[in-house]
């Protein structure tokens, strides 16, 4: 390996290291990402519970059929949301 090839190899490694340092996630970006994961998990659950409670109040007597059904549906949808969000972000 001659001097010129060694110099090019070192320069490319230095560029790669600088790019890695520049692209490193900050605490703020990680906090926003975790918050987003929480929201995409919790919002379908809360929406399902509220919708189910409203539907159950329309029925006569005491019923939790819609509330529980839509709660579990919200959990499944929230799980898929988190999975797809993590899948899209990973390299």
N, C-alpha and C. Protein backbone atom coordinates (compact mmCIF):
# COMPACT_ATOMS: atom_id res chain seq x y z
N UNK A 1 0.86 -1.16 0.00
CA UNK A 1 0.00 0.00 0.00
C UNK A 1 0.91 1.23 0.00
N UNK A 2 0.70 2.06 -0.98
CA UNK A 2 1.56 3.23 -1.05
C UNK A 2 1.00 4.36 -0.19
N UNK A 3 1.72 5.43 -0.16
CA UNK A 3 1.40 6.56 0.70
C UNK A 3 0.07 7.22 0.31
N UNK A 4 -0.20 7.32 -0.98
CA UNK A 4 -1.42 7.95 -1.48
C UNK A 4 -2.67 7.15 -1.10
N UNK A 5 -2.61 5.84 -1.23
CA UNK A 5 -3.75 4.99 -0.87
C UNK A 5 -4.02 5.05 0.63
N UNK A 6 -2.97 5.05 1.42
CA UNK A 6 -3.12 5.14 2.86
C UNK A 6 -3.77 6.47 3.26
N UNK A 7 -3.37 7.53 2.61
CA UNK A 7 -3.92 8.86 2.90
C UNK A 7 -5.42 8.89 2.56
N UNK A 8 -5.82 8.33 1.41
CA UNK A 8 -7.23 8.31 1.01
C UNK A 8 -8.06 7.46 1.98
N UNK A 9 -7.50 6.35 2.42
CA UNK A 9 -8.21 5.48 3.33
C UNK A 9 -8.43 6.17 4.68
N UNK A 10 -7.43 6.84 5.16
CA UNK A 10 -7.56 7.57 6.44
C UNK A 10 -8.55 8.71 6.30
N UNK A 11 -8.52 9.43 5.19
CA UNK A 11 -9.46 10.54 4.98
C UNK A 11 -10.90 10.03 4.93
N UNK A 12 -11.13 8.90 4.30
CA UNK A 12 -12.49 8.35 4.23
C UNK A 12 -12.96 7.89 5.61
N UNK A 13 -12.07 7.35 6.40
CA UNK A 13 -12.44 6.94 7.76
C UNK A 13 -12.75 8.16 8.63
N UNK A 14 -11.98 9.24 8.47
CA UNK A 14 -12.24 10.46 9.23
C UNK A 14 -13.59 11.03 8.84
N UNK A 15 -13.92 11.04 7.55
CA UNK A 15 -15.22 11.53 7.11
C UNK A 15 -16.35 10.68 7.69
N UNK A 16 -16.15 9.37 7.70
CA UNK A 16 -17.16 8.47 8.24
C UNK A 16 -17.38 8.71 9.74
N UNK A 17 -16.30 8.93 10.48
CA UNK A 17 -16.40 9.19 11.92
C UNK A 17 -17.10 10.52 12.17
N UNK A 18 -16.75 11.54 11.41
CA UNK A 18 -17.40 12.85 11.58
C UNK A 18 -18.88 12.78 11.25
N UNK A 19 -19.23 12.04 10.21
CA UNK A 19 -20.64 11.88 9.85
C UNK A 19 -21.38 11.14 10.96
N UNK A 20 -20.78 10.12 11.53
CA UNK A 20 -21.42 9.37 12.62
C UNK A 20 -21.63 10.27 13.84
N UNK A 21 -20.66 11.12 14.14
CA UNK A 21 -20.80 12.04 15.27
C UNK A 21 -21.91 13.06 15.01
N UNK A 22 -22.00 13.52 13.79
CA UNK A 22 -23.01 14.51 13.43
C UNK A 22 -24.41 13.91 13.46
N UNK A 23 -24.57 12.66 13.03
CA UNK A 23 -25.88 12.01 12.93
C UNK A 23 -26.33 11.35 14.23
N UNK A 24 -25.51 11.41 15.27
CA UNK A 24 -25.86 10.78 16.54
C UNK A 24 -27.10 11.47 17.12
N UNK A 25 -28.09 10.67 17.55
CA UNK A 25 -29.33 11.28 18.07
C UNK A 25 -29.07 12.01 19.40
N UNK A 26 -29.74 13.13 19.56
CA UNK A 26 -29.60 13.91 20.78
C UNK A 26 -30.65 13.44 21.80
N UNK A 27 -30.50 13.92 23.01
CA UNK A 27 -31.45 13.57 24.06
C UNK A 27 -32.85 14.08 23.72
N UNK A 28 -32.92 15.26 23.14
CA UNK A 28 -34.22 15.82 22.77
C UNK A 28 -34.90 14.99 21.68
N UNK A 29 -34.15 14.58 20.67
CA UNK A 29 -34.76 13.79 19.60
C UNK A 29 -35.20 12.42 20.11
N UNK A 30 -34.44 11.84 21.03
CA UNK A 30 -34.84 10.56 21.59
C UNK A 30 -36.09 10.71 22.46
N UNK A 31 -36.17 11.81 23.20
CA UNK A 31 -37.35 12.07 24.03
C UNK A 31 -38.60 12.26 23.17
N UNK A 32 -38.46 13.00 22.09
CA UNK A 32 -39.59 13.19 21.17
C UNK A 32 -40.02 11.86 20.55
N UNK A 33 -39.07 11.03 20.20
CA UNK A 33 -39.37 9.72 19.61
C UNK A 33 -40.13 8.84 20.60
N UNK A 34 -39.69 8.80 21.85
CA UNK A 34 -40.36 8.00 22.86
C UNK A 34 -41.77 8.55 23.11
N UNK A 35 -41.91 9.87 23.13
CA UNK A 35 -43.23 10.48 23.31
C UNK A 35 -44.16 10.13 22.16
N UNK A 36 -43.63 10.13 20.95
CA UNK A 36 -44.44 9.76 19.78
C UNK A 36 -44.87 8.30 19.87
N UNK A 37 -43.96 7.43 20.30
CA UNK A 37 -44.33 6.02 20.47
C UNK A 37 -45.46 5.88 21.49
N UNK A 38 -45.37 6.64 22.57
CA UNK A 38 -46.43 6.58 23.58
C UNK A 38 -47.76 7.05 23.03
N UNK A 39 -47.74 8.13 22.28
CA UNK A 39 -49.00 8.65 21.73
C UNK A 39 -49.63 7.70 20.72
N UNK A 40 -48.83 7.13 19.83
CA UNK A 40 -49.42 6.23 18.84
C UNK A 40 -49.91 4.93 19.47
N UNK A 41 -49.47 4.64 20.70
CA UNK A 41 -49.98 3.47 21.40
C UNK A 41 -51.23 3.83 22.20
N UNK A 42 -51.22 4.96 22.87
CA UNK A 42 -52.29 5.29 23.81
C UNK A 42 -53.53 5.87 23.13
N UNK A 43 -53.37 6.67 22.09
CA UNK A 43 -54.53 7.31 21.47
C UNK A 43 -55.57 6.33 20.93
N UNK A 44 -55.18 5.25 20.23
CA UNK A 44 -56.22 4.30 19.79
C UNK A 44 -56.93 3.61 20.96
N UNK A 45 -56.20 3.38 22.05
CA UNK A 45 -56.82 2.75 23.21
C UNK A 45 -57.86 3.68 23.83
N UNK A 46 -57.48 4.92 24.06
CA UNK A 46 -58.42 5.88 24.67
C UNK A 46 -59.60 6.13 23.74
N UNK A 47 -59.33 6.28 22.46
CA UNK A 47 -60.42 6.47 21.50
C UNK A 47 -61.38 5.30 21.49
N UNK A 48 -60.85 4.08 21.55
CA UNK A 48 -61.70 2.89 21.58
C UNK A 48 -62.54 2.81 22.83
N UNK A 49 -61.94 3.17 23.97
CA UNK A 49 -62.69 3.12 25.23
C UNK A 49 -63.82 4.16 25.23
N UNK A 50 -63.52 5.38 24.79
CA UNK A 50 -64.56 6.41 24.75
C UNK A 50 -65.68 6.04 23.77
N UNK A 51 -65.33 5.55 22.61
CA UNK A 51 -66.35 5.14 21.65
C UNK A 51 -67.17 3.97 22.19
N UNK A 52 -66.50 3.00 22.79
CA UNK A 52 -67.21 1.86 23.36
C UNK A 52 -68.13 2.25 24.50
N UNK A 53 -67.66 3.17 25.33
CA UNK A 53 -68.50 3.64 26.45
C UNK A 53 -69.74 4.36 25.92
N UNK A 54 -69.55 5.15 24.89
CA UNK A 54 -70.68 5.86 24.29
C UNK A 54 -71.68 4.87 23.69
N UNK A 55 -71.17 3.85 22.97
CA UNK A 55 -72.06 2.86 22.38
C UNK A 55 -72.78 2.06 23.46
N UNK A 56 -72.07 1.73 24.56
CA UNK A 56 -72.72 0.99 25.65
C UNK A 56 -73.79 1.83 26.34
N UNK A 57 -73.61 3.13 26.40
CA UNK A 57 -74.62 3.98 27.04
C UNK A 57 -75.89 4.07 26.20
N UNK A 58 -75.79 3.77 24.92
CA UNK A 58 -76.96 3.79 24.04
C UNK A 58 -77.83 2.54 24.26
N UNK A 59 -77.24 1.48 24.79
CA UNK A 59 -77.99 0.24 25.03
C UNK A 59 -78.69 0.31 26.38
N UNK A 60 -79.78 -0.42 26.50
CA UNK A 60 -80.48 -0.46 27.79
C UNK A 60 -79.79 -1.44 28.71
N UNK A 61 -79.82 -1.15 30.00
CA UNK A 61 -79.20 -2.02 30.98
C UNK A 61 -77.70 -1.73 31.08
N UNK A 62 -77.06 -2.57 31.87
CA UNK A 62 -75.62 -2.38 32.08
C UNK A 62 -74.87 -3.28 31.11
N UNK A 63 -74.05 -2.67 30.28
CA UNK A 63 -73.30 -3.42 29.29
C UNK A 63 -71.90 -2.84 29.17
N UNK A 64 -70.93 -3.72 29.04
CA UNK A 64 -69.55 -3.29 28.78
C UNK A 64 -69.00 -3.98 27.54
N UNK A 65 -69.90 -4.54 26.77
CA UNK A 65 -69.48 -5.31 25.60
C UNK A 65 -68.68 -4.47 24.61
N UNK A 66 -69.21 -3.31 24.23
CA UNK A 66 -68.52 -2.46 23.26
C UNK A 66 -67.24 -1.87 23.86
N UNK A 67 -67.30 -1.50 25.12
CA UNK A 67 -66.13 -0.89 25.75
C UNK A 67 -64.96 -1.86 25.75
N UNK A 68 -65.20 -3.08 26.17
CA UNK A 68 -64.11 -4.06 26.22
C UNK A 68 -63.64 -4.45 24.82
N UNK A 69 -64.58 -4.62 23.90
CA UNK A 69 -64.20 -4.98 22.53
C UNK A 69 -63.33 -3.91 21.89
N UNK A 70 -63.74 -2.65 22.04
CA UNK A 70 -62.97 -1.58 21.42
C UNK A 70 -61.69 -1.27 22.20
N UNK A 71 -61.65 -1.61 23.49
CA UNK A 71 -60.40 -1.49 24.25
C UNK A 71 -59.35 -2.43 23.68
N UNK A 72 -59.72 -3.69 23.50
CA UNK A 72 -58.78 -4.66 22.95
C UNK A 72 -58.42 -4.34 21.50
N UNK A 73 -59.36 -3.84 20.74
CA UNK A 73 -59.08 -3.41 19.37
C UNK A 73 -58.08 -2.25 19.38
N UNK A 74 -58.24 -1.31 20.31
CA UNK A 74 -57.30 -0.19 20.43
C UNK A 74 -55.91 -0.65 20.81
N UNK A 75 -55.83 -1.66 21.68
CA UNK A 75 -54.52 -2.21 22.05
C UNK A 75 -53.83 -2.83 20.85
N UNK A 76 -54.58 -3.58 20.05
CA UNK A 76 -54.00 -4.20 18.85
C UNK A 76 -53.56 -3.14 17.85
N UNK A 77 -54.42 -2.16 17.60
CA UNK A 77 -54.07 -1.10 16.65
C UNK A 77 -52.86 -0.31 17.14
N UNK A 78 -52.84 0.01 18.43
CA UNK A 78 -51.70 0.72 19.00
C UNK A 78 -50.41 -0.08 18.89
N UNK A 79 -50.50 -1.38 19.10
CA UNK A 79 -49.32 -2.24 18.94
C UNK A 79 -48.80 -2.24 17.51
N UNK A 80 -49.71 -2.33 16.56
CA UNK A 80 -49.29 -2.25 15.15
C UNK A 80 -48.68 -0.89 14.82
N UNK A 81 -49.27 0.18 15.36
CA UNK A 81 -48.71 1.51 15.12
C UNK A 81 -47.27 1.61 15.62
N UNK A 82 -47.03 1.12 16.83
CA UNK A 82 -45.68 1.16 17.40
C UNK A 82 -44.73 0.31 16.57
N UNK A 83 -45.18 -0.87 16.18
CA UNK A 83 -44.34 -1.76 15.37
C UNK A 83 -43.93 -1.09 14.06
N UNK A 84 -44.89 -0.51 13.36
CA UNK A 84 -44.59 0.11 12.07
C UNK A 84 -43.74 1.37 12.23
N UNK A 85 -43.94 2.11 13.31
CA UNK A 85 -43.12 3.30 13.55
C UNK A 85 -41.67 2.92 13.83
N UNK A 86 -41.47 1.89 14.63
CA UNK A 86 -40.10 1.43 14.91
C UNK A 86 -39.48 0.82 13.65
N UNK A 87 -40.27 0.07 12.90
CA UNK A 87 -39.77 -0.54 11.66
C UNK A 87 -39.33 0.52 10.65
N UNK A 88 -40.10 1.60 10.53
CA UNK A 88 -39.75 2.66 9.58
C UNK A 88 -38.50 3.43 10.01
N UNK A 89 -38.27 3.56 11.30
CA UNK A 89 -37.14 4.34 11.78
C UNK A 89 -35.82 3.56 11.74
N UNK A 90 -35.91 2.24 11.92
CA UNK A 90 -34.67 1.46 11.98
C UNK A 90 -34.00 1.42 10.60
N UNK A 91 -32.67 1.42 10.60
CA UNK A 91 -31.94 1.45 9.32
C UNK A 91 -32.01 0.18 8.53
